[in-house]
Amino acid sequence: MAAWPERPVTLIVPWSAGGGTDATGRMIGSLLE
């Protein structure tokens, strides 16, 4: 019953590194961390 997350989470970006989706996804990932 331990609260999520207990371990690292994978955040998939369906587009290449360097684009807008990648940039916003990485920012969100770092802030969620």
Full PDB file with SEQRES, HELIX, SHEET, SSBOND, CRYST1, ORIGX, SCALE, CONECT and MASTER records, all heavy atoms in Angstrom:
SEQRES   1 A   33  MET ALA ALA TRP PRO GLU ARG PRO VAL THR LEU ILE VAL          
SEQRES   2 A   33  PRO TRP SER ALA GLY GLY GLY THR ASP ALA THR GLY ARG          
SEQRES   3 A   33  MET ILE GLY SER LEU LEU GLU                                  
HELIX    1 AA1 GLY A   20  LEU A   32  1                                  13    
CRYST1    1.000    1.000    1.000  90.00  90.00  90.00 P 1           1          
ORIGX1      1.000000  0.000000  0.000000        0.00000                         
ORIGX2      0.000000  1.000000  0.000000        0.00000                         
ORIGX3      0.000000  0.000000  1.000000        0.00000                         
SCALE1      1.000000  0.000000  0.000000        0.00000                         
SCALE2      0.000000  1.000000  0.000000        0.00000                         
SCALE3      0.000000  0.000000  1.000000        0.00000                         
ATOM      1  N   MET A   1       0.807  -1.207   0.000  1.00  0.00           N  
ATOM      2  CA  MET A   1       0.000   0.000   0.000  1.00  0.00           C  
ATOM      3  C   MET A   1       0.851   1.272   0.000  1.00  0.00           C  
ATOM      4  O   MET A   1       0.328   2.364   0.185  1.00  0.00           O  
ATOM      5  CB  MET A   1      -0.940   0.001   1.215  1.00  0.00           C  
ATOM      6  CG  MET A   1      -1.961  -1.133   1.197  1.00  0.00           C  
ATOM      7  SD  MET A   1      -2.843  -1.291   2.768  1.00  0.00           S  
ATOM      8  CE  MET A   1      -3.676   0.275   2.878  1.00  0.00           C  
ATOM      9  N   ALA A   2       2.147   1.106  -0.167  1.00  0.00           N  
ATOM     10  CA  ALA A   2       3.030   2.273  -0.120  1.00  0.00           C  
ATOM     11  C   ALA A   2       2.648   3.272  -1.209  1.00  0.00           C  
ATOM     12  O   ALA A   2       2.184   2.907  -2.280  1.00  0.00           O  
ATOM     13  CB  ALA A   2       4.480   1.830  -0.302  1.00  0.00           C  
ATOM     14  N   ALA A   3       2.841   4.541  -0.891  1.00  0.00           N  
ATOM     15  CA  ALA A   3       2.448   5.610  -1.814  1.00  0.00           C  
ATOM     16  C   ALA A   3       3.325   5.588  -3.060  1.00  0.00           C  
ATOM     17  O   ALA A   3       4.532   5.406  -2.995  1.00  0.00           O  
ATOM     18  CB  ALA A   3       2.550   6.955  -1.117  1.00  0.00           C  
ATOM     19  N   TRP A   4       2.677   5.782  -4.209  1.00  0.00           N  
ATOM     20  CA  TRP A   4       3.395   5.916  -5.485  1.00  0.00           C  
ATOM     21  C   TRP A   4       4.025   7.307  -5.548  1.00  0.00           C  
ATOM     22  O   TRP A   4       3.441   8.270  -5.046  1.00  0.00           O  
ATOM     23  CB  TRP A   4       2.369   5.767  -6.623  1.00  0.00           C  
ATOM     24  CG  TRP A   4       2.916   6.054  -7.990  1.00  0.00           C  
ATOM     25  CD1 TRP A   4       3.456   5.165  -8.858  1.00  0.00           C  
ATOM     26  CD2 TRP A   4       2.991   7.330  -8.631  1.00  0.00           C  
ATOM     27  NE1 TRP A   4       3.858   5.791 -10.009  1.00  0.00           N  
ATOM     28  CE2 TRP A   4       3.595   7.138  -9.899  1.00  0.00           C  
ATOM     29  CE3 TRP A   4       2.610   8.623  -8.282  1.00  0.00           C  
ATOM     30  CZ2 TRP A   4       3.817   8.171 -10.797  1.00  0.00           C  
ATOM     31  CZ3 TRP A   4       2.837   9.657  -9.162  1.00  0.00           C  
ATOM     32  CH2 TRP A   4       3.440   9.426 -10.408  1.00  0.00           C  
ATOM     33  N   PRO A   5       5.243   7.457  -6.095  1.00  0.00           N  
ATOM     34  CA  PRO A   5       6.101   6.426  -6.681  1.00  0.00           C  
ATOM     35  C   PRO A   5       7.163   5.944  -5.697  1.00  0.00           C  
ATOM     36  O   PRO A   5       7.746   6.751  -4.971  1.00  0.00           O  
ATOM     37  CB  PRO A   5       6.740   7.155  -7.859  1.00  0.00           C  
ATOM     38  CG  PRO A   5       6.862   8.585  -7.373  1.00  0.00           C  
ATOM     39  CD  PRO A   5       5.687   8.823  -6.451  1.00  0.00           C  
ATOM     40  N   GLU A   6       7.412   4.657  -5.702  1.00  0.00           N  
ATOM     41  CA  GLU A   6       8.451   4.079  -4.845  1.00  0.00           C  
ATOM     42  C   GLU A   6       9.780   3.951  -5.566  1.00  0.00           C  
ATOM     43  O   GLU A   6      10.804   3.672  -4.933  1.00  0.00           O  
ATOM     44  CB  GLU A   6       8.033   2.681  -4.387  1.00  0.00           C  
ATOM     45  CG  GLU A   6       6.827   2.635  -3.482  1.00  0.00           C  
ATOM     46  CD  GLU A   6       6.540   1.206  -3.066  1.00  0.00           C  
ATOM     47  OE1 GLU A   6       5.880   0.476  -3.825  1.00  0.00           O  
ATOM     48  OE2 GLU A   6       6.995   0.821  -1.972  1.00  0.00           O  
ATOM     49  N   ARG A   7       9.756   4.088  -6.889  1.00  0.00           N  
ATOM     50  CA  ARG A   7      10.962   3.893  -7.701  1.00  0.00           C  
ATOM     51  C   ARG A   7      10.899   4.822  -8.922  1.00  0.00           C  
ATOM     52  O   ARG A   7       9.886   5.488  -9.131  1.00  0.00           O  
ATOM     53  CB  ARG A   7      11.079   2.435  -8.127  1.00  0.00           C  
ATOM     54  CG  ARG A   7       9.842   1.860  -8.806  1.00  0.00           C  
ATOM     55  CD  ARG A   7       9.984   0.360  -9.028  1.00  0.00           C  
ATOM     56  NE  ARG A   7       8.766  -0.272  -9.480  1.00  0.00           N  
ATOM     57  CZ  ARG A   7       8.360  -0.336 -10.741  1.00  0.00           C  
ATOM     58  NH1 ARG A   7       9.098   0.234 -11.696  1.00  0.00           N  
ATOM     59  NH2 ARG A   7       7.241  -0.951 -11.065  1.00  0.00           N  
ATOM     60  N   PRO A   8      11.955   4.883  -9.714  1.00  0.00           N  
ATOM     61  CA  PRO A   8      11.979   5.785 -10.856  1.00  0.00           C  
ATOM     62  C   PRO A   8      10.837   5.529 -11.844  1.00  0.00           C  
ATOM     63  O   PRO A   8      10.373   4.403 -12.017  1.00  0.00           O  
ATOM     64  CB  PRO A   8      13.338   5.493 -11.512  1.00  0.00           C  
ATOM     65  CG  PRO A   8      14.186   5.012 -10.388  1.00  0.00           C  
ATOM     66  CD  PRO A   8      13.263   4.219  -9.512  1.00  0.00           C  
ATOM     67  N   VAL A   9      10.408   6.610 -12.495  1.00  0.00           N  
ATOM     68  CA  VAL A   9       9.329   6.566 -13.479  1.00  0.00           C  
ATOM     69  C   VAL A   9       9.929   6.864 -14.856  1.00  0.00           C  
ATOM     70  O   VAL A   9      10.777   7.753 -14.993  1.00  0.00           O  
ATOM     71  CB  VAL A   9       8.232   7.605 -13.147  1.00  0.00           C  
ATOM     72  CG1 VAL A   9       7.140   7.604 -14.219  1.00  0.00           C  
ATOM     73  CG2 VAL A   9       7.641   7.320 -11.771  1.00  0.00           C  
ATOM     74  N   THR A  10       9.498   6.118 -15.859  1.00  0.00           N  
ATOM     75  CA  THR A  10       9.920   6.372 -17.238  1.00  0.00           C  
ATOM     76  C   THR A  10       8.922   7.305 -17.908  1.00  0.00           C  
ATOM     77  O   THR A  10       7.712   7.073 -17.859  1.00  0.00           O  
ATOM     78  CB  THR A  10      10.001   5.058 -18.046  1.00  0.00           C  
ATOM     79  OG1 THR A  10      11.016   4.224 -17.469  1.00  0.00           O  
ATOM     80  CG2 THR A  10      10.351   5.334 -19.501  1.00  0.00           C  
ATOM     81  N   LEU A  11       9.432   8.366 -18.517  1.00  0.00           N  
ATOM     82  CA  LEU A  11       8.601   9.323 -19.238  1.00  0.00           C  
ATOM     83  C   LEU A  11       8.972   9.246 -20.717  1.00  0.00           C  
ATOM     84  O   LEU A  11      10.042   9.687 -21.127  1.00  0.00           O  
ATOM     85  CB  LEU A  11       8.828  10.740 -18.704  1.00  0.00           C  
ATOM     86  CG  LEU A  11       8.034  11.867 -19.364  1.00  0.00           C  
ATOM     87  CD1 LEU A  11       6.541  11.701 -19.091  1.00  0.00           C  
ATOM     88  CD2 LEU A  11       8.493  13.234 -18.858  1.00  0.00           C  
ATOM     89  N   ILE A  12       8.082   8.654 -21.524  1.00  0.00           N  
ATOM     90  CA  ILE A  12       8.352   8.453 -22.940  1.00  0.00           C  
ATOM     91  C   ILE A  12       7.990   9.698 -23.749  1.00  0.00           C  
ATOM     92  O   ILE A  12       6.906  10.268 -23.571  1.00  0.00           O  
ATOM     93  CB  ILE A  12       7.567   7.239 -23.480  1.00  0.00           C  
ATOM     94  CG1 ILE A  12       8.079   5.947 -22.824  1.00  0.00           C  
ATOM     95  CG2 ILE A  12       7.673   7.138 -24.998  1.00  0.00           C  
ATOM     96  CD1 ILE A  12       7.261   4.723 -23.162  1.00  0.00           C  
ATOM     97  N   VAL A  13       8.905  10.111 -24.605  1.00  0.00           N  
ATOM     98  CA  VAL A  13       8.662  11.204 -25.556  1.00  0.00           C  
ATOM     99  C   VAL A  13       8.676  10.597 -26.953  1.00  0.00           C  
ATOM    100  O   VAL A  13       9.689  10.014 -27.354  1.00  0.00           O  
ATOM    101  CB  VAL A  13       9.733  12.303 -25.436  1.00  0.00           C  
ATOM    102  CG1 VAL A  13       9.573  13.336 -26.542  1.00  0.00           C  
ATOM    103  CG2 VAL A  13       9.637  12.987 -24.067  1.00  0.00           C  
ATOM    104  N   PRO A  14       7.572  10.695 -27.716  1.00  0.00           N  
ATOM    105  CA  PRO A  14       7.498  10.026 -29.017  1.00  0.00           C  
ATOM    106  C   PRO A  14       8.228  10.729 -30.152  1.00  0.00           C  
ATOM    107  O   PRO A  14       8.125  10.292 -31.293  1.00  0.00           O  
ATOM    108  CB  PRO A  14       5.985  10.005 -29.321  1.00  0.00           C  
ATOM    109  CG  PRO A  14       5.296  10.434 -28.079  1.00  0.00           C  
ATOM    110  CD  PRO A  14       6.284  11.279 -27.337  1.00  0.00           C  
ATOM    111  N   TRP A  15       8.935  11.804 -29.845  1.00  0.00           N  
ATOM    112  CA  TRP A  15       9.609  12.582 -30.874  1.00  0.00           C  
ATOM    113  C   TRP A  15      11.075  12.776 -30.512  1.00  0.00           C  
ATOM    114  O   TRP A  15      11.491  12.552 -29.373  1.00  0.00           O  
ATOM    115  CB  TRP A  15       8.905  13.926 -31.078  1.00  0.00           C  
ATOM    116  CG  TRP A  15       7.457  13.741 -31.410  1.00  0.00           C  
ATOM    117  CD1 TRP A  15       6.394  13.876 -30.566  1.00  0.00           C  
ATOM    118  CD2 TRP A  15       6.897  13.310 -32.661  1.00  0.00           C  
ATOM    119  NE1 TRP A  15       5.216  13.584 -31.203  1.00  0.00           N  
ATOM    120  CE2 TRP A  15       5.486  13.231 -32.499  1.00  0.00           C  
ATOM    121  CE3 TRP A  15       7.447  13.013 -33.903  1.00  0.00           C  
ATOM    122  CZ2 TRP A  15       4.633  12.849 -33.520  1.00  0.00           C  
ATOM    123  CZ3 TRP A  15       6.595  12.631 -34.931  1.00  0.00           C  
ATOM    124  CH2 TRP A  15       5.207  12.552 -34.733  1.00  0.00           C  
ATOM    125  N   SER A  16      11.857  13.229 -31.456  1.00  0.00           N  
ATOM    126  CA  SER A  16      13.310  13.301 -31.304  1.00  0.00           C  
ATOM    127  C   SER A  16      13.749  14.319 -30.254  1.00  0.00           C  
ATOM    128  O   SER A  16      13.038  15.287 -29.959  1.00  0.00           O  
ATOM    129  CB  SER A  16      13.960  13.674 -32.645  1.00  0.00           C  
ATOM    130  OG  SER A  16      13.670  12.718 -33.633  1.00  0.00           O  
ATOM    131  N   ALA A  17      14.953  14.099 -29.739  1.00  0.00           N  
ATOM    132  CA  ALA A  17      15.558  15.040 -28.799  1.00  0.00           C  
ATOM    133  C   ALA A  17      15.800  16.370 -29.493  1.00  0.00           C  
ATOM    134  O   ALA A  17      16.140  16.417 -30.681  1.00  0.00           O  
ATOM    135  CB  ALA A  17      16.871  14.469 -28.281  1.00  0.00           C  
ATOM    136  N   GLY A  18      15.608  17.452 -28.747  1.00  0.00           N  
ATOM    137  CA  GLY A  18      15.877  18.786 -29.275  1.00  0.00           C  
ATOM    138  C   GLY A  18      14.657  19.534 -29.750  1.00  0.00           C  
ATOM    139  O   GLY A  18      14.705  20.750 -29.912  1.00  0.00           O  
ATOM    140  N   GLY A  19      13.542  18.834 -29.988  1.00  0.00           N  
ATOM    141  CA  GLY A  19      12.323  19.499 -30.430  1.00  0.00           C  
ATOM    142  C   GLY A  19      11.517  20.042 -29.268  1.00  0.00           C  
ATOM    143  O   GLY A  19      11.870  19.872 -28.090  1.00  0.00           O  
ATOM    144  N   GLY A  20      10.395  20.679 -29.591  1.00  0.00           N  
ATOM    145  CA  GLY A  20       9.564  21.276 -28.563  1.00  0.00           C  
ATOM    146  C   GLY A  20       8.961  20.268 -27.612  1.00  0.00           C  
ATOM    147  O   GLY A  20       8.883  20.500 -26.395  1.00  0.00           O  
ATOM    148  N   THR A  21       8.535  19.112 -28.137  1.00  0.00           N  
ATOM    149  CA  THR A  21       7.943  18.086 -27.277  1.00  0.00           C  
ATOM    150  C   THR A  21       8.991  17.539 -26.321  1.00  0.00           C  
ATOM    151  O   THR A  21       8.721  17.327 -25.130  1.00  0.00           O  
ATOM    152  CB  THR A  21       7.352  16.945 -28.129  1.00  0.00           C  
ATOM    153  OG1 THR A  21       6.377  17.495 -29.017  1.00  0.00           O  
ATOM    154  CG2 THR A  21       6.686  15.899 -27.256  1.00  0.00           C  
ATOM    155  N   ASP A  22      10.193  17.312 -26.828  1.00  0.00           N  
ATOM    156  CA  ASP A  22      11.280  16.830 -25.986  1.00  0.00           C  
ATOM    157  C   ASP A  22      11.631  17.857 -24.911  1.00  0.00           C  
ATOM    158  O   ASP A  22      11.792  17.510 -23.731  1.00  0.00           O  
ATOM    159  CB  ASP A  22      12.503  16.547 -26.855  1.00  0.00           C  
ATOM    160  CG  ASP A  22      13.697  16.050 -26.059  1.00  0.00           C  
ATOM    161  OD1 ASP A  22      13.637  14.916 -25.546  1.00  0.00           O  
ATOM    162  OD2 ASP A  22      14.688  16.800 -25.948  1.00  0.00           O  
ATOM    163  N   ALA A  23      11.723  19.124 -25.298  1.00  0.00           N  
ATOM    164  CA  ALA A  23      12.103  20.174 -24.342  1.00  0.00           C  
ATOM    165  C   ALA A  23      11.080  20.313 -23.225  1.00  0.00           C  
ATOM    166  O   ALA A  23      11.438  20.374 -22.040  1.00  0.00           O  
ATOM    167  CB  ALA A  23      12.261  21.514 -25.078  1.00  0.00           C  
ATOM    168  N   THR A  24       9.801  20.346 -23.585  1.00  0.00           N  
ATOM    169  CA  THR A  24       8.767  20.496 -22.554  1.00  0.00           C  
ATOM    170  C   THR A  24       8.665  19.235 -21.709  1.00  0.00           C  
ATOM    171  O   THR A  24       8.455  19.311 -20.496  1.00  0.00           O  
ATOM    172  CB  THR A  24       7.401  20.822 -23.181  1.00  0.00           C  
ATOM    173  OG1 THR A  24       7.010  19.778 -24.085  1.00  0.00           O  
ATOM    174  CG2 THR A  24       7.436  22.146 -23.924  1.00  0.00           C  
ATOM    175  N   GLY A  25       8.831  18.059 -22.339  1.00  0.00           N  
ATOM    176  CA  GLY A  25       8.779  16.806 -21.590  1.00  0.00           C  
ATOM    177  C   GLY A  25       9.895  16.718 -20.568  1.00  0.00           C  
ATOM    178  O   GLY A  25       9.687  16.282 -19.432  1.00  0.00           O  
ATOM    179  N   ARG A  26      11.082  17.138 -20.959  1.00  0.00           N  
ATOM    180  CA  ARG A  26      12.224  17.084 -20.033  1.00  0.00           C  
ATOM    181  C   ARG A  26      12.050  18.075 -18.880  1.00  0.00           C  
ATOM    182  O   ARG A  26      12.431  17.780 -17.735  1.00  0.00           O  
ATOM    183  CB  ARG A  26      13.534  17.331 -20.780  1.00  0.00           C  
ATOM    184  CG  ARG A  26      13.923  16.169 -21.666  1.00  0.00           C  
ATOM    185  CD  ARG A  26      15.240  16.356 -22.408  1.00  0.00           C  
ATOM    186  NE  ARG A  26      15.462  15.223 -23.302  1.00  0.00           N  
ATOM    187  CZ  ARG A  26      15.974  14.053 -22.932  1.00  0.00           C  
ATOM    188  NH1 ARG A  26      16.352  13.889 -21.671  1.00  0.00           N  
ATOM    189  NH2 ARG A  26      16.127  13.074 -23.792  1.00  0.00           N  
ATOM    190  N   MET A  27      11.496  19.241 -19.181  1.00  0.00           N  
ATOM    191  CA  MET A  27      11.254  20.193 -18.104  1.00  0.00           C  
ATOM    192  C   MET A  27      10.237  19.640 -17.113  1.00  0.00           C  
ATOM    193  O   MET A  27      10.422  19.709 -15.888  1.00  0.00           O  
ATOM    194  CB  MET A  27      10.778  21.522 -18.688  1.00  0.00           C  
ATOM    195  CG  MET A  27      10.351  22.554 -17.633  1.00  0.00           C  
ATOM    196  SD  MET A  27      11.616  22.929 -16.382  1.00  0.00           S  
ATOM    197  CE  MET A  27      12.777  23.914 -17.344  1.00  0.00           C  
ATOM    198  N   ILE A  28       9.162  19.066 -17.625  1.00  0.00           N  
ATOM    199  CA  ILE A  28       8.148  18.467 -16.759  1.00  0.00           C  
ATOM    200  C   ILE A  28       8.747  17.332 -15.935  1.00  0.00           C  
ATOM    201  O   ILE A  28       8.505  17.215 -14.730  1.00  0.00           O  
ATOM    202  CB  ILE A  28       6.947  17.974 -17.588  1.00  0.00           C  
ATOM    203  CG1 ILE A  28       6.097  19.161 -18.018  1.00  0.00           C  
ATOM    204  CG2 ILE A  28       6.100  16.969 -16.810  1.00  0.00           C  
ATOM    205  CD1 ILE A  28       4.987  18.825 -18.972  1.00  0.00           C  
ATOM    206  N   GLY A  29       9.554  16.493 -16.575  1.00  0.00           N  
ATOM    207  CA  GLY A  29      10.181  15.387 -15.856  1.00  0.00           C  
ATOM    208  C   GLY A  29      11.061  15.859 -14.718  1.00  0.00           C  
ATOM    209  O   GLY A  29      11.010  15.308 -13.605  1.00  0.00           O  
ATOM    210  N   SER A  30      11.857  16.888 -14.969  1.00  0.00           N  
ATOM    211  CA  SER A  30      12.759  17.387 -13.927  1.00  0.00           C  
ATOM    212  C   SER A  30      11.986  17.996 -12.760  1.00  0.00           C  
ATOM    213  O   SER A  30      12.366  17.832 -11.596  1.00  0.00           O  
ATOM    214  CB  SER A  30      13.742  18.393 -14.513  1.00  0.00           C  
ATOM    215  OG  SER A  30      13.086  19.593 -14.897  1.00  0.00           O  
ATOM    216  N   LEU A  31      10.886  18.679 -13.067  1.00  0.00           N  
ATOM    217  CA  LEU A  31      10.096  19.304 -12.001  1.00  0.00           C  
ATOM    218  C   LEU A  31       9.276  18.269 -11.234  1.00  0.00           C  
ATOM    219  O   LEU A  31       9.080  18.389 -10.020  1.00  0.00           O  
ATOM    220  CB  LEU A  31       9.199  20.390 -12.591  1.00  0.00           C  
ATOM    221  CG  LEU A  31       9.933  21.590 -13.194  1.00  0.00           C  
ATOM    222  CD1 LEU A  31       8.943  22.569 -13.820  1.00  0.00           C  
ATOM    223  CD2 LEU A  31      10.778  22.305 -12.144  1.00  0.00           C  
ATOM    224  N   LEU A  32       8.778  17.241 -11.928  1.00  0.00           N  
ATOM    225  CA  LEU A  32       8.066  16.165 -11.231  1.00  0.00           C  
ATOM    226  C   LEU A  32       9.022  15.406 -10.298  1.00  0.00           C  
ATOM    227  O   LEU A  32       8.627  14.958  -9.224  1.00  0.00           O  
ATOM    228  CB  LEU A  32       7.447  15.196 -12.233  1.00  0.00           C  
ATOM    229  CG  LEU A  32       6.154  15.638 -12.917  1.00  0.00           C  
ATOM    230  CD1 LEU A  32       5.756  14.636 -13.989  1.00  0.00           C  
ATOM    231  CD2 LEU A  32       5.021  15.802 -11.893  1.00  0.00           C  
ATOM    232  N   GLU A  33      10.262  15.265 -10.735  1.00  0.00           N  
ATOM    233  CA  GLU A  33      11.270  14.609  -9.900  1.00  0.00           C  
ATOM    234  C   GLU A  33      11.456  15.364  -8.585  1.00  0.00           C  
ATOM    235  O   GLU A  33      11.512  14.762  -7.504  1.00  0.00           O  
ATOM    236  CB  GLU A  33      12.589  14.526 -10.664  1.00  0.00           C  
ATOM    237  CG  GLU A  33      13.680  13.762  -9.950  1.00  0.00           C  
ATOM    238  CD  GLU A  33      14.884  13.526 -10.852  1.00  0.00           C  
ATOM    239  OE1 GLU A  33      14.691  13.284 -12.054  1.00  0.00           O  
ATOM    240  OE2 GLU A  33      16.013  13.585 -10.322  1.00  0.00           O  
TER     241      GLU A  33                                                      
MASTER        0    0    0    1    0    0    0    6  240    1    0    3          
END                                                                             
